[in-house]
Amino acid sequence: MVLALSFAAFSPVASLCTRTNSCSLRSTPHSQEASLLRQAAEVADLSAGLTAPHPNFGCVIARGTDVVGHGFLYAQGTKCAELQAVEIARELSRGATAYLNLEPGDCYGDLTPVSSLVQAGISRVVVGIRHPLHHLRGKAIQALRSQGVQVDVVGEDLLGKAFEVHQLQEALKSCLVVNAPLLYWAAYCVPFSVLKFAMTLDGKIAASSGHASWVSSKVSRHRVFELRGRSDAIIVGGNTVRRDDPQLTARHGGGHVPARIVLSRTLDFPEERKLWNVFDAYTIVATQRGACKDMQKKLASKGVEVVEFDFLNPKDVMEYCYDRGYLSLLWECGGSLSAPAIKSGVIHKAHKFIPADAPLAGEFVQQIKIAKSPEEAARLGRKLQRQHPEMVREDWDTVKIDVMYSALKCKFSTYSNLKSLLCSTAGCILVEASPHDLFWGGGREGEGLNYLGRLLMKLRSEIMENTSTPV
């Protein structure tokens, strides 16, 4: 029996099918594994900025769909992710499956990641991607297989139908993104470079006063601190040091503090600048050979490292950072340095920040608020997103599921009739019957991800667990 109900208050249409009915969106082995592999990538991302020159490693140990252990490489010299995970899982590791975003390397200088899994009794390992460094690629996989452990690599050993392949591709993408700096570093022999710049409403990179740090909003500045915390070093030009006197620390309370690199051909600096305080973070000043020897001595006396180049340019600085083992760089500079950096091809990604309280943004929010229906608000939001991508949150792809879940919780806590309707579907699988939206909906043939249906089922379970009397 198929039961169809309309949930127009929170979605265009939602279809429901009983658990006994053959539902095309029922969880499949590969879809479950894709979810667990994404979790391994999310765990690995916790080490972003902390591990250079090592990758971001994450390990999730599961028995079926139940996660019993997890770990990530916190920093050089710490326990590997696999060892942390098996220590948490303990005896539950025996016969379980380990999900790794990346093939293990040699963070201990030995085979600790491999031996940890083998000795714990792990029977199977699912690997997102092989190690990008040639001298390590395939070694851990072969070592595990030689010990009788089944190893499956996404895209090589794990294949499935259209719906499953899409989920596996999304999981693989997560594994690639979390180690994008290392992949660039290995493939192109340069650190992964991100350019951050704040822009005023008239299109200028900085305010005329030079106080670029206050162009964007408080939310944007918090995002900048996050970017800094994920970087091995921050690069600025001499003008930024002279005009703004920045501190360039990741003021988010985290443990990682990136190095600060200043590019200046003249060393025409005041004797006292915040960057000369190396107790906050390590500072490197890159300059032209023979430039202002007196300032070089003063900087060295404060603990600042001065590096001379025959001809100072962004490309040579990138090669220098590569030799130092930096994987990820954040460029926070004005037009005089960002322009040659872009022209020389050393910038791989850019983050543009505009004032969050811009009149245009406020106008868009108001248009969405006064929409006559949720469908109209959604159409308007998608249209504005296509027309003005610069106004979309940088982390929208990673937070939109949480935002949707918060919105659903608010809706169902406000309207008791909707809560009753949702709870009446207990024992049914909820499917968002949207043939075109393959993210929130189920698609025509069940090829969609059905995230709206999943969130509704999650909310239903939460409501029913917290309700002591029948609704």
Protein backbone atom coordinates (compact mmCIF):
# COMPACT_ATOMS: atom_id res chain seq x y z
CA MET A 1 0.00 0.00 0.00
CA VAL A 2 1.25 3.48 -0.87
CA LEU A 3 0.06 6.43 1.18
CA ALA A 4 0.37 9.91 -0.35
CA LEU A 5 -0.08 13.03 1.75
CA SER A 6 0.52 16.71 1.05
CA PHE A 7 2.83 18.66 3.33
CA ALA A 8 2.37 21.99 1.55
CA ALA A 9 3.21 23.91 4.72
CA PHE A 10 6.84 22.86 4.54
CA SER A 11 7.41 21.37 1.09
CA PRO A 12 5.67 21.24 -2.31
CA VAL A 13 4.76 17.55 -2.06
CA ALA A 14 5.90 14.69 0.14
CA SER A 15 5.15 11.04 -0.68
CA LEU A 16 5.14 8.31 1.90
CA CYS A 17 5.52 4.60 1.46
CA THR A 18 5.27 1.90 4.09
CA ARG A 19 8.36 -0.01 5.13
CA THR A 20 6.86 -3.16 3.65
CA ASN A 21 6.55 -1.50 0.26
CA SER A 22 9.51 -1.66 -2.13
CA CYS A 23 10.82 1.89 -1.93
CA SER A 24 13.54 2.95 -4.39
CA LEU A 25 15.13 5.27 -1.83
CA ARG A 26 15.57 2.66 0.87
CA SER A 27 19.11 2.71 2.25
CA THR A 28 21.52 0.57 0.24
CA PRO A 29 24.89 -0.81 1.34
CA HIS A 30 26.75 1.67 -0.86
CA SER A 31 24.62 4.63 0.29
CA GLN A 32 25.39 3.73 3.91
CA GLU A 33 29.08 3.45 3.13
CA ALA A 34 29.03 6.79 1.31
CA SER A 35 27.56 8.38 4.44
CA LEU A 36 30.23 6.82 6.69
CA LEU A 37 32.98 7.87 4.30
CA ARG A 38 31.69 11.45 4.37
CA GLN A 39 31.83 11.27 8.15
CA ALA A 40 35.47 10.23 7.90
CA ALA A 41 36.14 13.28 5.71
CA GLU A 42 34.33 15.53 8.20
CA VAL A 43 36.42 14.14 11.04
CA ALA A 44 39.58 14.67 8.97
CA ASP A 45 38.61 18.29 8.43
CA LEU A 46 38.98 18.92 12.16
CA SER A 47 42.74 18.82 11.64
CA ALA A 48 42.77 21.46 8.88
CA GLY A 49 45.74 23.78 9.37
CA LEU A 50 47.34 21.59 12.03
CA THR A 51 49.04 18.78 10.17
CA ALA A 52 51.33 20.24 7.47
CA PRO A 53 53.22 18.76 5.78
CA HIS A 54 51.05 15.71 6.52
CA PRO A 55 47.53 15.33 5.07
CA ASN A 56 44.27 15.66 6.96
CA PHE A 57 43.58 12.09 8.07
CA GLY A 58 40.26 10.88 9.47
CA CYS A 59 39.15 7.40 10.50
CA VAL A 60 35.66 6.17 11.38
CA ILE A 61 35.10 2.61 12.62
CA ALA A 62 31.60 1.21 12.21
CA ARG A 63 29.68 -1.99 12.78
CA GLY A 64 26.94 -1.79 10.18
CA THR A 65 25.70 1.79 10.46
CA ASP A 66 26.77 2.24 14.10
CA VAL A 67 29.94 4.30 14.57
CA VAL A 68 31.98 2.82 17.42
CA GLY A 69 35.20 4.81 17.08
CA HIS A 70 36.75 7.79 15.29
CA GLY A 71 39.96 9.80 15.25
CA PHE A 72 41.94 12.36 13.28
CA LEU A 73 45.58 13.37 13.03
CA TYR A 74 45.81 16.37 15.34
CA ALA A 75 49.35 17.47 14.53
CA GLN A 76 52.81 16.20 13.74
CA GLY A 77 54.04 13.70 16.31
CA THR A 78 50.60 12.87 17.69
CA LYS A 79 48.74 9.56 17.47
CA CYS A 80 47.55 8.66 14.01
CA ALA A 81 43.81 8.71 13.27
CA GLU A 82 43.57 4.93 13.00
CA LEU A 83 45.17 4.33 16.40
CA GLN A 84 42.86 6.86 18.07
CA ALA A 85 39.80 5.25 16.48
CA VAL A 86 40.62 1.68 17.58
CA GLU A 87 41.45 2.88 21.09
CA ILE A 88 37.93 4.31 21.33
CA ALA A 89 36.24 1.31 19.73
CA ARG A 90 38.31 -1.19 21.76
CA GLU A 91 36.89 -4.75 21.46
CA LEU A 92 34.18 -3.52 19.07
CA SER A 93 36.91 -3.08 16.46
CA ARG A 94 37.12 -6.83 15.87
CA GLY A 95 35.24 -7.65 12.68
CA ALA A 96 34.29 -4.00 12.09
CA THR A 97 34.90 -1.81 9.03
CA ALA A 98 37.21 1.22 9.05
CA TYR A 99 36.42 4.17 6.77
CA LEU A 100 39.40 6.35 5.79
CA ASN A 101 39.18 9.54 3.76
CA LEU A 102 42.75 8.92 2.56
CA GLU A 103 45.09 5.96 2.28
CA PRO A 104 47.30 5.92 5.40
CA GLY A 105 50.77 7.40 5.20
CA ASP A 106 53.69 7.20 7.61
CA CYS A 107 52.96 9.91 10.19
CA TYR A 108 54.94 7.90 12.77
CA GLY A 109 57.73 7.03 10.34
CA ASP A 110 56.48 3.43 10.42
CA LEU A 111 53.35 1.43 9.71
CA THR A 112 51.46 2.41 12.86
CA PRO A 113 48.22 3.20 10.95
CA VAL A 114 48.29 -0.23 9.29
CA SER A 115 49.38 -2.20 12.36
CA SER A 116 46.74 -0.46 14.52
CA LEU A 117 43.94 -1.66 12.25
CA VAL A 118 45.35 -5.16 11.84
CA GLN A 119 46.03 -5.75 15.53
CA ALA A 120 42.56 -4.45 16.47
CA GLY A 121 40.96 -7.07 14.23
CA ILE A 122 39.49 -4.75 11.60
CA SER A 123 38.20 -7.03 8.84
CA ARG A 124 37.60 -4.44 6.11
CA VAL A 125 38.82 -0.98 5.18
CA VAL A 126 37.10 1.47 2.81
CA VAL A 127 39.47 4.12 1.40
CA GLY A 128 38.28 7.36 -0.20
CA ILE A 129 41.38 8.15 -2.27
CA ARG A 130 44.85 6.74 -2.64
CA HIS A 131 47.74 8.71 -1.18
CA PRO A 132 48.73 11.49 -3.65
CA LEU A 133 52.48 11.20 -2.94
CA HIS A 134 54.11 8.71 -5.30
CA HIS A 135 56.41 7.14 -2.73
CA LEU A 136 53.43 6.33 -0.47
CA ARG A 137 50.71 5.57 -3.01
CA GLY A 138 49.35 2.05 -2.69
CA LYS A 139 51.79 0.93 0.01
CA ALA A 140 49.36 0.94 2.92
CA ILE A 141 46.64 -0.67 0.81
CA GLN A 142 48.99 -3.47 -0.18
CA ALA A 143 50.19 -3.87 3.41
CA LEU A 144 46.63 -4.24 4.68
CA ARG A 145 45.72 -6.74 1.98
CA SER A 146 48.83 -8.79 2.70
CA GLN A 147 47.54 -9.11 6.29
CA GLY A 148 44.22 -10.50 5.09
CA VAL A 149 42.24 -7.27 5.44
CA GLN A 150 39.74 -6.56 2.66
CA VAL A 151 40.40 -3.10 1.20
CA ASP A 152 37.93 -1.31 -1.09
CA VAL A 153 38.83 1.96 -2.81
CA VAL A 154 36.01 4.25 -3.95
CA GLY A 155 35.84 4.37 -7.74
CA GLU A 156 37.94 1.23 -8.09
CA ASP A 157 36.32 -1.49 -5.96
CA LEU A 158 33.09 0.24 -4.91
CA LEU A 159 30.68 0.71 -7.80
CA GLY A 160 26.89 0.73 -7.87
CA LYS A 161 23.73 1.81 -9.63
CA ALA A 162 22.98 5.41 -10.61
CA PHE A 163 21.67 6.46 -7.18
CA GLU A 164 24.53 4.74 -5.38
CA VAL A 165 27.17 6.09 -7.76
CA HIS A 166 25.95 9.65 -7.15
CA GLN A 167 26.27 9.20 -3.39
CA LEU A 168 29.71 7.63 -3.72
CA GLN A 169 30.78 10.52 -5.95
CA GLU A 170 29.65 13.00 -3.31
CA ALA A 171 31.59 11.07 -0.67
CA LEU A 172 34.65 11.01 -2.93
CA LYS A 173 34.32 14.76 -3.46
CA SER A 174 34.38 15.26 0.32
CA CYS A 175 37.59 13.26 0.52
CA LEU A 176 39.18 15.32 -2.26
CA VAL A 177 38.11 18.69 -0.83
CA VAL A 178 39.39 18.01 2.68
CA ASN A 179 42.89 17.44 1.27
CA ALA A 180 42.80 19.89 -1.63
CA PRO A 181 45.98 21.67 -0.38
CA LEU A 182 47.97 18.43 -0.36
CA LEU A 183 46.66 17.44 -3.80
CA TYR A 184 47.77 20.78 -5.28
CA TRP A 185 51.08 20.56 -3.44
CA ALA A 186 51.75 17.06 -4.81
CA ALA A 187 50.55 17.73 -8.37
CA TYR A 188 51.97 21.21 -9.00
CA CYS A 189 54.76 21.56 -6.42
CA VAL A 190 53.22 24.73 -4.98
CA PRO A 191 51.08 25.39 -1.88
CA PHE A 192 47.34 25.79 -2.34
CA SER A 193 46.79 29.55 -2.31
CA VAL A 194 43.60 31.36 -1.36
CA LEU A 195 43.14 35.10 -1.93
CA LYS A 196 40.92 36.89 0.56
CA PHE A 197 39.82 40.45 -0.10
CA ALA A 198 37.10 42.71 1.25
CA MET A 199 35.29 44.99 -1.16
CA THR A 200 33.29 48.15 -0.53
CA LEU A 201 30.00 48.76 -2.31
CA ASP A 202 31.70 50.99 -4.89
CA GLY A 203 33.90 48.08 -5.97
CA LYS A 204 37.10 49.07 -4.17
CA ILE A 205 39.23 46.41 -2.43
CA ALA A 206 39.89 48.60 0.62
CA ALA A 207 38.52 51.78 2.13
CA SER A 208 40.37 54.93 1.12
CA SER A 209 41.61 55.29 4.68
CA GLY A 210 43.46 52.01 4.29
CA HIS A 211 41.51 50.31 7.08
CA ALA A 212 40.59 47.28 4.98
CA SER A 213 39.99 45.10 8.02
CA TRP A 214 36.76 46.94 8.80
CA VAL A 215 35.22 46.94 5.32
CA SER A 216 33.16 43.78 5.85
CA SER A 217 30.87 42.67 8.65
CA LYS A 218 31.47 40.95 11.98
CA VAL A 219 30.30 37.67 10.44
CA SER A 220 32.79 38.08 7.59
CA ARG A 221 35.62 38.75 10.02
CA HIS A 222 34.76 35.57 11.91
CA ARG A 223 34.94 33.71 8.60
CA VAL A 224 38.36 35.25 7.95
CA PHE A 225 39.59 33.94 11.31
CA GLU A 226 38.40 30.48 10.27
CA LEU A 227 40.29 30.76 6.97
CA ARG A 228 43.42 31.78 8.84
CA GLY A 229 43.08 28.84 11.19
CA ARG A 230 43.02 26.47 8.21
CA SER A 231 46.15 27.96 6.65
CA ASP A 232 49.83 27.29 7.25
CA ALA A 233 50.81 30.90 6.57
CA ILE A 234 49.25 34.29 5.83
CA ILE A 235 50.81 36.57 3.22
CA VAL A 236 50.49 40.36 3.20
CA GLY A 237 52.26 43.21 1.46
CA GLY A 238 54.25 46.09 2.90
CA ASN A 239 51.42 48.59 2.40
CA THR A 240 49.10 46.52 4.60
CA VAL A 241 51.70 46.48 7.39
CA ARG A 242 52.33 50.22 7.17
CA ARG A 243 48.69 51.34 6.93
CA ASP A 244 46.73 48.80 8.95
CA ASP A 245 49.30 47.39 11.40
CA PRO A 246 47.47 44.01 11.44
CA GLN A 247 48.02 41.23 13.95
CA LEU A 248 47.02 38.44 11.54
CA THR A 249 46.22 35.85 14.18
CA ALA A 250 43.37 33.35 14.11
CA ARG A 251 41.39 34.88 16.97
CA HIS A 252 38.98 31.96 17.23
CA GLY A 253 40.46 30.36 20.32
CA GLY A 254 41.89 27.40 18.41
CA GLY A 255 45.30 25.89 18.93
CA HIS A 256 46.73 26.55 15.45
CA VAL A 257 48.50 29.84 14.75
CA PRO A 258 49.65 30.31 11.14
CA ALA A 259 52.97 31.92 10.25
CA ARG A 260 52.88 35.51 8.92
CA ILE A 261 54.79 36.38 5.76
CA VAL A 262 55.36 39.98 4.69
CA LEU A 263 56.49 40.83 1.14
CA SER A 264 58.39 44.12 0.80
CA ARG A 265 61.15 45.19 -1.58
CA THR A 266 62.10 48.31 0.39
CA LEU A 267 61.59 47.36 4.08
CA ASP A 268 60.31 50.87 4.66
CA PHE A 269 58.62 50.00 7.95
CA PRO A 270 58.16 51.62 11.36
CA GLU A 271 60.28 49.98 14.05
CA GLU A 272 57.20 48.97 16.02
CA ARG A 273 54.51 46.89 14.33
CA LYS A 274 52.29 44.13 15.73
CA LEU A 275 53.78 41.63 13.32
CA TRP A 276 57.21 42.09 14.88
CA ASN A 277 55.88 40.48 18.06
CA VAL A 278 56.83 36.87 17.38
CA PHE A 279 55.35 35.72 20.68
CA ASP A 280 51.92 35.89 18.98
CA ALA A 281 53.03 34.01 15.86
CA TYR A 282 56.13 33.41 13.76
CA THR A 283 56.89 36.18 11.26
CA ILE A 284 58.90 36.00 8.03
CA VAL A 285 59.80 39.08 5.99
CA ALA A 286 60.66 38.41 2.34
CA THR A 287 62.58 41.18 0.62
CA GLN A 288 64.93 42.08 -2.21
CA ARG A 289 68.58 41.19 -1.76
CA GLY A 290 70.51 44.06 -0.14
CA ALA A 291 67.40 46.02 0.91
CA CYS A 292 67.78 48.28 3.98
CA LYS A 293 70.34 46.32 6.00
CA ASP A 294 69.65 48.44 9.07
CA MET A 295 65.97 47.38 9.16
CA GLN A 296 66.98 43.78 8.51
CA LYS A 297 69.14 43.85 11.65
CA LYS A 298 66.35 45.43 13.73
CA LEU A 299 63.87 42.82 12.56
CA ALA A 300 66.30 39.98 13.25
CA SER A 301 66.88 41.32 16.78
CA LYS A 302 63.14 40.99 17.43
CA GLY A 303 63.11 37.38 16.26
CA VAL A 304 61.71 38.06 12.80
CA GLU A 305 63.18 35.88 10.04
CA VAL A 306 64.35 37.89 7.03
CA VAL A 307 64.67 36.08 3.69
CA GLU A 308 66.33 37.78 0.71
CA PHE A 309 65.40 37.08 -2.92
CA ASP A 310 67.37 38.14 -5.99
CA PHE A 311 64.10 39.51 -7.33
CA LEU A 312 61.07 39.45 -5.05
CA ASN A 313 57.97 38.16 -6.81
CA PRO A 314 54.95 36.00 -5.86
CA LYS A 315 56.07 32.97 -7.87
CA ASP A 316 59.47 32.68 -6.16
CA VAL A 317 57.84 33.18 -2.77
CA MET A 318 55.48 30.29 -3.54
CA GLU A 319 58.45 28.05 -4.38
CA TYR A 320 60.08 29.07 -1.10
CA CYS A 321 56.90 28.20 0.83
CA TYR A 322 56.74 24.85 -0.96
CA ASP A 323 60.29 24.07 0.14
CA ARG A 324 59.31 24.91 3.74
CA GLY A 325 56.51 22.33 3.57
CA TYR A 326 53.59 24.78 3.66
CA LEU A 327 50.48 23.21 2.12
CA SER A 328 48.01 26.09 2.33
CA LEU A 329 48.51 29.86 2.09
CA LEU A 330 46.07 32.71 2.67
CA TRP A 331 46.82 35.96 0.82
CA GLU A 332 45.35 38.98 2.63
CA CYS A 333 46.69 41.81 0.52
CA GLY A 334 45.61 44.87 -1.40
CA GLY A 335 45.58 45.45 -5.12
CA SER A 336 49.31 46.21 -5.44
CA LEU A 337 50.20 42.63 -4.41
CA SER A 338 47.07 40.66 -5.32
CA ALA A 339 47.22 41.81 -8.96
CA PRO A 340 50.73 40.43 -9.65
CA ALA A 341 49.90 37.30 -7.63
CA ILE A 342 46.86 36.61 -9.81
CA LYS A 343 48.77 37.47 -12.98
CA SER A 344 51.58 35.06 -12.12
CA GLY A 345 49.03 32.25 -11.66
CA VAL A 346 49.76 31.44 -8.02
CA ILE A 347 46.19 32.04 -6.76
CA HIS A 348 43.93 28.99 -6.86
CA LYS A 349 40.84 30.27 -5.08
CA ALA A 350 39.43 33.64 -4.04
CA HIS A 351 37.06 34.71 -1.26
CA LYS A 352 35.36 38.05 -1.79
CA PHE A 353 33.73 39.72 1.20
CA ILE A 354 31.20 42.50 0.77
CA PRO A 355 29.35 44.37 3.52
CA ALA A 356 26.69 42.06 4.94
CA ASP A 357 24.44 45.01 5.66
CA ALA A 358 24.54 46.22 2.06
CA PRO A 359 21.21 47.78 1.00
CA LEU A 360 20.88 45.24 -1.82
CA ALA A 361 21.21 42.28 0.54
CA GLY A 362 18.63 43.79 2.88
CA GLU A 363 16.26 44.30 -0.03
CA PHE A 364 16.58 40.64 -1.03
CA VAL A 365 15.87 39.44 2.48
CA GLN A 366 12.77 41.62 2.63
CA GLN A 367 11.52 40.26 -0.71
CA ILE A 368 11.80 36.71 0.59
CA LYS A 369 10.10 37.59 3.87
CA ILE A 370 6.99 39.02 2.17
CA ALA A 371 6.63 36.15 -0.31
CA LYS A 372 3.04 34.83 -0.36
CA SER A 373 4.00 31.16 0.01
CA PRO A 374 6.98 28.96 0.84
CA GLU A 375 7.16 27.91 -2.81
CA GLU A 376 7.35 31.52 -3.97
CA ALA A 377 10.03 32.28 -1.34
CA ALA A 378 12.05 29.28 -2.51
CA ARG A 379 11.80 30.29 -6.18
CA LEU A 380 12.85 33.82 -5.35
CA GLY A 381 15.76 32.61 -3.23
CA ARG A 382 17.05 30.32 -6.00
CA LYS A 383 16.72 33.10 -8.56
CA LEU A 384 18.66 35.60 -6.43
CA GLN A 385 21.29 32.96 -5.69
CA ARG A 386 21.91 32.47 -9.43
CA GLN A 387 21.95 36.21 -10.14
CA HIS A 388 24.13 37.23 -7.15
CA PRO A 389 26.39 34.31 -6.18
CA GLU A 390 28.72 36.70 -4.35
CA MET A 391 26.08 37.19 -1.67
CA VAL A 392 25.76 33.50 -0.84
CA ARG A 393 27.48 32.29 2.32
CA GLU A 394 30.89 30.80 1.59
CA ASP A 395 30.02 27.71 3.63
CA TRP A 396 26.47 27.33 2.32
CA ASP A 397 27.01 23.88 0.77
CA THR A 398 28.13 22.50 4.13
CA VAL A 399 25.58 24.24 6.39
CA LYS A 400 22.39 24.21 4.32
CA ILE A 401 21.27 20.84 5.72
CA ASP A 402 21.62 22.14 9.29
CA VAL A 403 19.77 25.33 8.34
CA MET A 404 16.93 23.34 6.81
CA TYR A 405 16.69 21.11 9.89
CA SER A 406 16.53 24.15 12.18
CA ALA A 407 13.77 25.61 10.01
CA LEU A 408 11.79 22.35 10.13
CA LYS A 409 12.11 22.15 13.93
CA CYS A 410 10.86 25.72 14.22
CA LYS A 411 7.91 25.05 11.89
CA PHE A 412 6.80 21.85 13.61
CA SER A 413 7.21 23.28 17.11
CA THR A 414 5.02 26.23 16.12
CA TYR A 415 2.14 24.30 14.50
CA SER A 416 0.91 21.38 16.61
CA ASN A 417 -1.26 20.03 13.77
CA LEU A 418 1.85 19.53 11.62
CA LYS A 419 3.58 17.75 14.48
CA SER A 420 0.60 15.40 14.82
CA LEU A 421 0.54 14.78 11.08
CA LEU A 422 4.26 13.97 11.04
CA CYS A 423 4.01 11.57 13.99
CA SER A 424 1.08 9.80 12.34
CA THR A 425 3.50 8.60 9.65
CA ALA A 426 5.46 6.48 12.14
CA GLY A 427 6.70 3.31 10.44
CA CYS A 428 6.74 4.94 6.99
CA ILE A 429 9.62 6.14 4.85
CA LEU A 430 9.18 9.77 3.82
CA VAL A 431 10.13 10.73 0.30
CA GLU A 432 10.13 14.27 -1.08
CA ALA A 433 8.42 13.73 -4.44
CA SER A 434 10.35 16.29 -6.44
CA PRO A 435 11.38 14.96 -9.88
CA HIS A 436 13.82 17.80 -10.57
CA ASP A 437 15.45 18.52 -7.21
CA LEU A 438 17.94 15.68 -6.79
CA PHE A 439 19.32 17.06 -3.51
CA TRP A 440 16.23 17.68 -1.39
CA GLY A 441 13.97 15.40 -3.42
CA GLY A 442 13.88 11.80 -4.55
CA GLY A 443 13.96 12.39 -8.30
CA ARG A 444 11.86 10.56 -10.86
CA GLU A 445 13.31 7.08 -10.38
CA GLY A 446 14.68 7.36 -6.86
CA GLU A 447 18.01 8.74 -8.02
CA GLY A 448 17.75 11.83 -5.78
CA LEU A 449 19.34 12.16 -2.34
CA ASN A 450 15.98 12.92 -0.62
CA TYR A 451 17.55 15.04 2.12
CA LEU A 452 14.20 16.67 2.99
CA GLY A 453 12.61 13.28 3.53
CA ARG A 454 15.56 12.19 5.65
CA LEU A 455 15.38 15.31 7.80
CA LEU A 456 11.65 14.84 8.34
CA MET A 457 12.23 11.25 9.47
CA LYS A 458 14.99 12.43 11.79
CA LEU A 459 12.72 15.11 13.26
CA ARG A 460 9.91 12.58 13.65
CA SER A 461 12.18 10.27 15.65
CA GLU A 462 13.31 13.16 17.82
CA ILE A 463 9.75 14.31 18.51
CA MET A 464 8.54 10.82 19.34
CA GLU A 465 11.49 10.13 21.64
CA ASN A 466 10.83 13.37 23.57
CA THR A 467 7.07 12.83 23.82
CA SER A 468 6.00 10.79 26.81
CA THR A 469 2.31 10.56 25.81
CA PRO A 470 0.86 9.64 22.38
CA VAL A 471 0.36 12.59 20.07
